């Protein structure tokens, strides 16, 4: 479980297994031009409502609790669709470690000594000197800090 640190605000989309919560999910998928299916809903219930930064394998494991026959290919395709439609961010925290983040607004990350990933608000860090990088056109700056929690 992770959190947004430094005065940030975490807002879930209120997903559940039935009732009004699923209606919110269906509306959100449709608003992003995604046709809801049982598989997409099972994946979205977890990945769009988590404060964790799960890998595709973690999403597969969690979604298979609802749909045991759910394939790895379907999970990867659905995660790519959600990224393409702006519902998720694909974040490569280090070589070979890709996670998915439902917090799509610009922000940074902190990885603690246990490997837990925390969101840091963009305004919590000031990155200077980007304009001075000759021959480069920087579109976005994403900072990954590593360390220990105090206390």
N, C-alpha and C. Protein backbone atom coordinates (compact mmCIF):
# COMPACT_ATOMS: atom_id res chain seq x y z
N UNK A 1 0.84 -1.17 0.00
CA UNK A 1 0.00 0.00 0.00
C UNK A 1 0.89 1.23 0.00
N UNK A 2 0.62 2.17 -0.86
CA UNK A 2 1.39 3.41 -0.88
C UNK A 2 0.45 4.58 -0.70
N UNK A 3 1.02 5.74 -0.67
CA UNK A 3 0.24 6.93 -0.39
C UNK A 3 0.84 8.10 -1.14
N UNK A 4 0.13 9.19 -1.18
CA UNK A 4 0.69 10.42 -1.72
C UNK A 4 1.21 11.19 -0.52
N UNK A 5 2.46 11.62 -0.59
CA UNK A 5 3.14 12.22 0.54
C UNK A 5 3.27 13.72 0.31
N UNK A 6 3.36 14.48 1.39
CA UNK A 6 3.69 15.89 1.27
C UNK A 6 2.51 16.76 0.92
N UNK A 7 1.35 16.48 1.50
CA UNK A 7 0.21 17.34 1.28
C UNK A 7 -0.60 16.98 0.07
N UNK A 8 -0.22 15.93 -0.63
CA UNK A 8 -1.00 15.50 -1.79
C UNK A 8 -2.30 14.88 -1.35
N UNK A 9 -3.17 14.60 -2.28
CA UNK A 9 -4.47 14.04 -1.99
C UNK A 9 -4.68 12.82 -2.85
N UNK A 10 -5.05 11.71 -2.24
CA UNK A 10 -5.34 10.49 -3.00
C UNK A 10 -6.85 10.37 -3.12
N UNK A 11 -7.32 10.22 -4.34
CA UNK A 11 -8.75 10.09 -4.59
C UNK A 11 -8.98 8.81 -5.38
N UNK A 12 -9.68 7.84 -4.79
CA UNK A 12 -10.02 6.61 -5.50
C UNK A 12 -11.28 6.83 -6.32
N UNK A 13 -11.57 5.90 -7.21
CA UNK A 13 -12.76 6.06 -8.03
C UNK A 13 -13.94 5.29 -7.47
N UNK A 14 -13.78 4.67 -6.30
CA UNK A 14 -14.90 4.01 -5.66
C UNK A 14 -15.39 2.79 -6.40
N UNK A 15 -14.51 1.83 -6.65
CA UNK A 15 -14.91 0.63 -7.37
C UNK A 15 -15.34 -0.44 -6.39
N UNK A 16 -16.32 -1.18 -6.77
CA UNK A 16 -16.78 -2.29 -5.96
C UNK A 16 -17.25 -3.38 -6.86
N UNK A 17 -17.85 -4.39 -6.29
CA UNK A 17 -18.27 -5.55 -7.07
C UNK A 17 -19.71 -5.46 -7.54
N UNK A 18 -20.46 -4.47 -7.10
CA UNK A 18 -21.84 -4.35 -7.56
C UNK A 18 -22.38 -2.96 -7.24
N UNK A 19 -23.58 -2.70 -7.73
CA UNK A 19 -24.27 -1.47 -7.38
C UNK A 19 -23.67 -0.23 -8.01
N UNK A 20 -23.86 0.90 -7.33
CA UNK A 20 -23.46 2.19 -7.84
C UNK A 20 -21.98 2.33 -8.08
N UNK A 21 -21.18 1.60 -7.33
CA UNK A 21 -19.74 1.70 -7.51
C UNK A 21 -19.32 1.17 -8.88
N UNK A 22 -19.92 0.07 -9.32
CA UNK A 22 -19.61 -0.44 -10.65
C UNK A 22 -20.14 0.49 -11.73
N UNK A 23 -21.26 1.17 -11.47
CA UNK A 23 -21.77 2.13 -12.45
C UNK A 23 -20.76 3.24 -12.66
N UNK A 24 -20.12 3.70 -11.57
CA UNK A 24 -19.08 4.71 -11.70
C UNK A 24 -17.93 4.21 -12.55
N UNK A 25 -17.57 2.96 -12.37
CA UNK A 25 -16.50 2.36 -13.16
C UNK A 25 -16.89 2.27 -14.63
N UNK A 26 -18.10 1.80 -14.89
CA UNK A 26 -18.57 1.69 -16.27
C UNK A 26 -18.57 3.06 -16.94
N UNK A 27 -19.05 4.06 -16.22
CA UNK A 27 -19.08 5.42 -16.77
C UNK A 27 -17.66 5.93 -17.04
N UNK A 28 -16.76 5.62 -16.15
CA UNK A 28 -15.39 6.08 -16.34
C UNK A 28 -14.74 5.41 -17.55
N UNK A 29 -14.95 4.10 -17.70
CA UNK A 29 -14.41 3.40 -18.87
C UNK A 29 -15.00 3.98 -20.15
N UNK A 30 -16.31 4.15 -20.18
CA UNK A 30 -16.96 4.68 -21.38
C UNK A 30 -16.52 6.10 -21.67
N UNK A 31 -16.29 6.89 -20.64
CA UNK A 31 -15.84 8.27 -20.83
C UNK A 31 -14.46 8.33 -21.49
N UNK A 32 -13.72 7.25 -21.38
CA UNK A 32 -12.40 7.16 -22.01
C UNK A 32 -12.44 6.31 -23.28
N UNK A 33 -13.66 6.14 -23.82
CA UNK A 33 -13.87 5.38 -25.06
C UNK A 33 -13.39 3.94 -24.96
N UNK A 34 -13.64 3.33 -23.79
CA UNK A 34 -13.30 1.93 -23.58
C UNK A 34 -14.60 1.15 -23.42
N UNK A 35 -14.79 0.16 -24.27
CA UNK A 35 -15.98 -0.68 -24.19
C UNK A 35 -15.81 -1.64 -23.01
N UNK A 36 -16.66 -1.55 -21.99
CA UNK A 36 -16.52 -2.44 -20.84
C UNK A 36 -16.77 -3.90 -21.21
N UNK A 37 -15.96 -4.77 -20.66
CA UNK A 37 -16.16 -6.22 -20.76
C UNK A 37 -15.91 -6.78 -19.37
N UNK A 38 -16.29 -8.01 -19.15
CA UNK A 38 -16.07 -8.61 -17.82
C UNK A 38 -14.59 -8.59 -17.45
N UNK A 39 -13.73 -8.88 -18.41
CA UNK A 39 -12.30 -8.91 -18.14
C UNK A 39 -11.78 -7.51 -17.82
N UNK A 40 -12.19 -6.52 -18.61
CA UNK A 40 -11.72 -5.16 -18.37
C UNK A 40 -12.21 -4.64 -17.02
N UNK A 41 -13.43 -4.97 -16.67
CA UNK A 41 -13.97 -4.53 -15.38
C UNK A 41 -13.22 -5.18 -14.23
N UNK A 42 -12.93 -6.48 -14.34
CA UNK A 42 -12.18 -7.18 -13.28
C UNK A 42 -10.80 -6.55 -13.09
N UNK A 43 -10.16 -6.20 -14.18
CA UNK A 43 -8.84 -5.57 -14.10
C UNK A 43 -8.96 -4.16 -13.53
N UNK A 44 -9.94 -3.41 -14.02
CA UNK A 44 -10.13 -2.02 -13.58
C UNK A 44 -10.48 -1.94 -12.10
N UNK A 45 -11.25 -2.89 -11.60
CA UNK A 45 -11.64 -2.86 -10.18
C UNK A 45 -10.42 -2.77 -9.28
N UNK A 46 -9.37 -3.45 -9.67
CA UNK A 46 -8.16 -3.40 -8.85
C UNK A 46 -7.26 -2.23 -9.24
N UNK A 47 -6.85 -2.20 -10.49
CA UNK A 47 -5.77 -1.31 -10.87
C UNK A 47 -6.15 0.17 -10.85
N UNK A 48 -7.42 0.48 -11.05
CA UNK A 48 -7.81 1.89 -11.04
C UNK A 48 -8.17 2.40 -9.65
N UNK A 49 -8.27 1.49 -8.68
CA UNK A 49 -8.66 1.90 -7.34
C UNK A 49 -7.58 1.63 -6.30
N UNK A 50 -6.37 1.38 -6.75
CA UNK A 50 -5.30 1.07 -5.81
C UNK A 50 -4.41 2.28 -5.59
N UNK A 51 -3.81 2.33 -4.43
CA UNK A 51 -2.75 3.31 -4.18
C UNK A 51 -1.39 2.64 -4.32
N UNK A 52 -1.41 1.33 -4.59
CA UNK A 52 -0.17 0.60 -4.88
C UNK A 52 0.27 0.94 -6.30
N UNK A 53 1.41 0.44 -6.66
CA UNK A 53 1.93 0.57 -8.01
C UNK A 53 2.20 -0.86 -8.49
N UNK A 54 1.15 -1.57 -8.90
CA UNK A 54 1.30 -3.00 -9.20
C UNK A 54 1.96 -3.27 -10.55
N UNK A 55 2.63 -4.40 -10.60
CA UNK A 55 3.15 -4.90 -11.87
C UNK A 55 2.01 -5.59 -12.61
N UNK A 56 2.22 -5.91 -13.87
CA UNK A 56 1.20 -6.63 -14.64
C UNK A 56 0.91 -7.98 -13.99
N UNK A 57 1.93 -8.63 -13.47
CA UNK A 57 1.73 -9.93 -12.82
C UNK A 57 0.87 -9.80 -11.56
N UNK A 58 1.05 -8.73 -10.81
CA UNK A 58 0.23 -8.50 -9.62
C UNK A 58 -1.22 -8.22 -10.03
N UNK A 59 -1.40 -7.49 -11.11
CA UNK A 59 -2.76 -7.22 -11.61
C UNK A 59 -3.40 -8.53 -12.05
N UNK A 60 -2.66 -9.37 -12.75
CA UNK A 60 -3.17 -10.67 -13.20
C UNK A 60 -3.62 -11.50 -12.00
N UNK A 61 -2.78 -11.59 -11.00
CA UNK A 61 -3.11 -12.39 -9.81
C UNK A 61 -4.38 -11.88 -9.14
N UNK A 62 -4.50 -10.59 -8.97
CA UNK A 62 -5.66 -10.01 -8.29
C UNK A 62 -6.92 -10.18 -9.13
N UNK A 63 -6.83 -9.93 -10.44
CA UNK A 63 -8.01 -10.02 -11.30
C UNK A 63 -8.47 -11.47 -11.48
N UNK A 64 -7.55 -12.42 -11.40
CA UNK A 64 -7.93 -13.82 -11.52
C UNK A 64 -8.76 -14.29 -10.33
N UNK A 65 -8.78 -13.54 -9.25
CA UNK A 65 -9.67 -13.87 -8.13
C UNK A 65 -11.12 -13.76 -8.56
N UNK A 66 -11.41 -12.85 -9.49
CA UNK A 66 -12.76 -12.68 -10.03
C UNK A 66 -13.01 -13.55 -11.25
N UNK A 67 -12.00 -13.67 -12.09
CA UNK A 67 -12.11 -14.43 -13.34
C UNK A 67 -10.90 -15.36 -13.43
N UNK A 68 -10.99 -16.57 -12.88
CA UNK A 68 -9.84 -17.47 -12.84
C UNK A 68 -9.23 -17.77 -14.21
N UNK A 69 -10.03 -17.77 -15.26
CA UNK A 69 -9.52 -18.10 -16.59
C UNK A 69 -8.90 -16.90 -17.31
N UNK A 70 -8.82 -15.77 -16.66
CA UNK A 70 -8.27 -14.55 -17.27
C UNK A 70 -6.83 -14.81 -17.70
N UNK A 71 -6.51 -14.47 -18.94
CA UNK A 71 -5.18 -14.75 -19.47
C UNK A 71 -4.21 -13.59 -19.24
N UNK A 72 -2.96 -13.94 -19.23
CA UNK A 72 -1.89 -12.95 -19.10
C UNK A 72 -1.95 -11.96 -20.28
N UNK A 73 -2.20 -12.47 -21.49
CA UNK A 73 -2.28 -11.61 -22.67
C UNK A 73 -3.40 -10.58 -22.54
N UNK A 74 -4.54 -10.99 -21.99
CA UNK A 74 -5.66 -10.06 -21.81
C UNK A 74 -5.29 -8.97 -20.82
N UNK A 75 -4.60 -9.34 -19.74
CA UNK A 75 -4.20 -8.34 -18.75
C UNK A 75 -3.23 -7.34 -19.38
N UNK A 76 -2.22 -7.82 -20.09
CA UNK A 76 -1.26 -6.91 -20.71
C UNK A 76 -1.94 -6.00 -21.73
N UNK A 77 -2.84 -6.56 -22.55
CA UNK A 77 -3.54 -5.76 -23.55
C UNK A 77 -4.43 -4.72 -22.89
N UNK A 78 -5.10 -5.10 -21.81
CA UNK A 78 -5.99 -4.17 -21.11
C UNK A 78 -5.19 -3.07 -20.43
N UNK A 79 -4.08 -3.41 -19.81
CA UNK A 79 -3.24 -2.39 -19.19
C UNK A 79 -2.73 -1.41 -20.25
N UNK A 80 -2.33 -1.92 -21.40
CA UNK A 80 -1.88 -1.03 -22.50
C UNK A 80 -3.00 -0.13 -22.97
N UNK A 81 -4.21 -0.68 -23.08
CA UNK A 81 -5.36 0.12 -23.47
C UNK A 81 -5.62 1.23 -22.45
N UNK A 82 -5.60 0.88 -21.16
CA UNK A 82 -5.83 1.87 -20.11
C UNK A 82 -4.77 2.97 -20.15
N UNK A 83 -3.52 2.60 -20.44
CA UNK A 83 -2.45 3.59 -20.56
C UNK A 83 -2.72 4.48 -21.77
N UNK A 84 -3.01 3.86 -22.91
CA UNK A 84 -3.26 4.62 -24.14
C UNK A 84 -4.42 5.59 -23.99
N UNK A 85 -5.43 5.22 -23.22
CA UNK A 85 -6.62 6.05 -23.03
C UNK A 85 -6.49 7.04 -21.87
N UNK A 86 -5.36 7.01 -21.17
CA UNK A 86 -5.12 7.99 -20.11
C UNK A 86 -5.65 7.64 -18.75
N UNK A 87 -6.02 6.38 -18.52
CA UNK A 87 -6.51 5.96 -17.20
C UNK A 87 -5.38 5.54 -16.27
N UNK A 88 -4.26 5.13 -16.84
CA UNK A 88 -3.10 4.66 -16.08
C UNK A 88 -1.84 5.26 -16.65
N UNK A 89 -0.81 5.27 -15.82
CA UNK A 89 0.55 5.58 -16.29
C UNK A 89 1.37 4.30 -16.18
N UNK A 90 2.16 4.03 -17.18
CA UNK A 90 3.14 2.94 -17.13
C UNK A 90 4.44 3.59 -16.68
N UNK A 91 5.01 3.09 -15.58
CA UNK A 91 6.19 3.72 -15.00
C UNK A 91 7.30 2.68 -14.91
N UNK A 92 8.43 2.99 -15.51
CA UNK A 92 9.60 2.12 -15.38
C UNK A 92 10.47 2.71 -14.28
N UNK A 93 10.44 2.08 -13.12
CA UNK A 93 11.15 2.60 -11.96
C UNK A 93 12.63 2.26 -11.98
N UNK A 94 12.96 1.18 -12.65
CA UNK A 94 14.34 0.75 -12.84
C UNK A 94 14.33 -0.27 -13.96
N UNK A 95 15.47 -0.61 -14.52
CA UNK A 95 15.47 -1.59 -15.61
C UNK A 95 14.77 -2.89 -15.20
N UNK A 96 13.82 -3.32 -16.02
CA UNK A 96 13.12 -4.57 -15.76
C UNK A 96 11.98 -4.48 -14.76
N UNK A 97 11.71 -3.31 -14.23
CA UNK A 97 10.61 -3.15 -13.26
C UNK A 97 9.63 -2.10 -13.76
N UNK A 98 8.54 -2.58 -14.36
CA UNK A 98 7.48 -1.70 -14.84
C UNK A 98 6.27 -1.88 -13.94
N UNK A 99 5.72 -0.77 -13.50
CA UNK A 99 4.52 -0.80 -12.68
C UNK A 99 3.48 0.12 -13.31
N UNK A 100 2.26 0.02 -12.81
CA UNK A 100 1.16 0.83 -13.32
C UNK A 100 0.63 1.71 -12.20
N UNK A 101 0.35 2.95 -12.56
CA UNK A 101 -0.02 3.97 -11.58
C UNK A 101 -1.32 4.64 -12.01
N UNK A 102 -2.39 4.52 -11.19
CA UNK A 102 -3.64 5.18 -11.55
C UNK A 102 -3.63 6.69 -11.30
N UNK A 103 -2.61 7.18 -10.65
CA UNK A 103 -2.46 8.61 -10.40
C UNK A 103 -1.77 9.21 -11.62
N UNK A 104 -2.57 9.67 -12.59
CA UNK A 104 -2.02 10.07 -13.89
C UNK A 104 -1.54 11.51 -13.95
N UNK A 105 -1.89 12.32 -12.97
CA UNK A 105 -1.37 13.69 -12.94
C UNK A 105 0.14 13.64 -12.73
N UNK A 106 0.83 14.67 -13.21
CA UNK A 106 2.29 14.70 -13.08
C UNK A 106 2.70 14.62 -11.61
N UNK A 107 3.58 13.69 -11.30
CA UNK A 107 4.13 13.55 -9.96
C UNK A 107 5.42 12.74 -10.04
N UNK A 108 6.09 12.62 -8.90
CA UNK A 108 7.35 11.90 -8.81
C UNK A 108 7.16 10.69 -7.90
N UNK A 109 8.22 9.90 -7.75
CA UNK A 109 8.13 8.69 -6.92
C UNK A 109 9.31 8.58 -5.96
N UNK A 110 9.04 7.94 -4.83
CA UNK A 110 10.05 7.61 -3.83
C UNK A 110 9.95 6.11 -3.59
N UNK A 111 11.08 5.42 -3.64
CA UNK A 111 11.12 3.98 -3.36
C UNK A 111 11.86 3.79 -2.05
N UNK A 112 11.17 3.20 -1.07
CA UNK A 112 11.79 3.04 0.24
C UNK A 112 12.62 1.75 0.31
N UNK A 113 13.20 1.51 1.46
CA UNK A 113 14.12 0.39 1.64
C UNK A 113 13.46 -0.98 1.44
N UNK A 114 12.14 -1.04 1.51
CA UNK A 114 11.41 -2.30 1.29
C UNK A 114 10.93 -2.44 -0.15
N UNK A 115 11.20 -1.43 -0.97
CA UNK A 115 10.75 -1.46 -2.36
C UNK A 115 9.37 -0.88 -2.56
N UNK A 116 8.78 -0.35 -1.50
CA UNK A 116 7.45 0.27 -1.60
C UNK A 116 7.58 1.60 -2.33
N UNK A 117 6.63 1.87 -3.21
CA UNK A 117 6.66 3.08 -4.03
C UNK A 117 5.65 4.08 -3.48
N UNK A 118 6.12 5.28 -3.24
CA UNK A 118 5.26 6.36 -2.76
C UNK A 118 5.17 7.43 -3.83
N UNK A 119 4.01 8.03 -3.98
CA UNK A 119 3.83 9.16 -4.89
C UNK A 119 4.25 10.44 -4.17
N UNK A 120 4.95 11.29 -4.88
CA UNK A 120 5.32 12.61 -4.37
C UNK A 120 4.71 13.66 -5.29
N UNK A 121 4.06 14.66 -4.75
CA UNK A 121 3.49 15.71 -5.61
C UNK A 121 4.59 16.39 -6.43
N UNK A 122 4.26 16.75 -7.64
CA UNK A 122 5.23 17.40 -8.53
C UNK A 122 5.83 18.64 -7.89
N UNK A 123 5.00 19.38 -7.16
CA UNK A 123 5.49 20.63 -6.57
C UNK A 123 6.37 20.40 -5.35
N UNK A 124 6.52 19.16 -4.88
CA UNK A 124 7.37 18.87 -3.73
C UNK A 124 8.85 18.93 -4.08
N UNK A 125 9.16 18.84 -5.37
CA UNK A 125 10.55 18.87 -5.83
C UNK A 125 10.73 19.96 -6.86
N UNK A 126 11.89 20.59 -6.84
CA UNK A 126 12.19 21.60 -7.84
C UNK A 126 13.37 21.09 -8.67
N UNK A 127 13.16 20.91 -9.94
CA UNK A 127 14.22 20.46 -10.84
C UNK A 127 14.67 21.68 -11.64
N UNK A 128 15.95 22.01 -11.50
CA UNK A 128 16.47 23.21 -12.17
C UNK A 128 17.54 22.82 -13.18
N UNK A 129 17.75 23.66 -14.15
CA UNK A 129 18.81 23.48 -15.12
C UNK A 129 18.42 22.69 -16.35
N UNK A 130 17.17 22.30 -16.46
CA UNK A 130 16.73 21.51 -17.61
C UNK A 130 16.91 22.30 -18.90
N UNK A 131 16.61 23.59 -18.86
CA UNK A 131 16.72 24.43 -20.05
C UNK A 131 18.16 24.52 -20.54
N UNK A 132 19.11 24.32 -19.65
CA UNK A 132 20.52 24.46 -20.00
C UNK A 132 21.10 23.21 -20.67
N UNK A 133 20.34 22.16 -20.81
CA UNK A 133 20.81 20.94 -21.44
C UNK A 133 20.85 21.15 -22.95
N UNK A 134 22.02 21.37 -23.48
CA UNK A 134 22.16 21.69 -24.90
C UNK A 134 21.88 20.47 -25.76
N UNK A 135 21.16 20.73 -26.86
CA UNK A 135 20.88 19.69 -27.82
C UNK A 135 19.76 18.75 -27.42
N UNK A 136 19.09 19.05 -26.32
CA UNK A 136 18.00 18.19 -25.85
C UNK A 136 16.71 18.99 -25.72
N UNK A 137 15.62 18.38 -26.07
CA UNK A 137 14.31 18.98 -25.87
C UNK A 137 13.57 18.08 -24.88
N UNK A 138 13.41 18.56 -23.66
CA UNK A 138 12.81 17.78 -22.58
C UNK A 138 11.31 18.02 -22.55
N UNK A 139 10.53 16.95 -22.67
CA UNK A 139 9.07 17.07 -22.63
C UNK A 139 8.53 16.99 -21.21
N UNK A 140 9.15 16.16 -20.40
CA UNK A 140 8.66 15.97 -19.04
C UNK A 140 9.78 15.45 -18.16
N UNK A 141 9.76 15.83 -16.90
CA UNK A 141 10.75 15.37 -15.94
C UNK A 141 10.04 14.51 -14.91
N UNK A 142 10.53 13.29 -14.75
CA UNK A 142 10.00 12.39 -13.72
C UNK A 142 11.17 11.97 -12.85
N UNK A 143 11.06 12.24 -11.57
CA UNK A 143 12.14 11.96 -10.62
C UNK A 143 11.77 10.73 -9.80
N UNK A 144 12.74 9.82 -9.64
CA UNK A 144 12.57 8.66 -8.77
C UNK A 144 13.64 8.78 -7.68
N UNK A 145 13.19 8.95 -6.45
CA UNK A 145 14.11 9.04 -5.31
C UNK A 145 14.12 7.68 -4.62
N UNK A 146 15.26 7.31 -4.07
CA UNK A 146 15.39 6.07 -3.32
C UNK A 146 15.98 6.38 -1.95
N UNK A 147 15.47 5.72 -0.94
CA UNK A 147 16.00 5.98 0.40
C UNK A 147 15.22 5.23 1.46
N UNK A 148 15.29 5.76 2.66
CA UNK A 148 14.63 5.16 3.82
C UNK A 148 13.64 6.14 4.40
N UNK A 149 12.64 5.59 5.02
CA UNK A 149 11.70 6.44 5.76
C UNK A 149 12.32 6.83 7.10
N UNK A 150 12.11 8.05 7.49
CA UNK A 150 12.61 8.51 8.78
C UNK A 150 11.73 7.97 9.89
N UNK A 151 12.39 7.72 11.01
CA UNK A 151 11.61 7.35 12.20
C UNK A 151 11.47 5.94 12.50
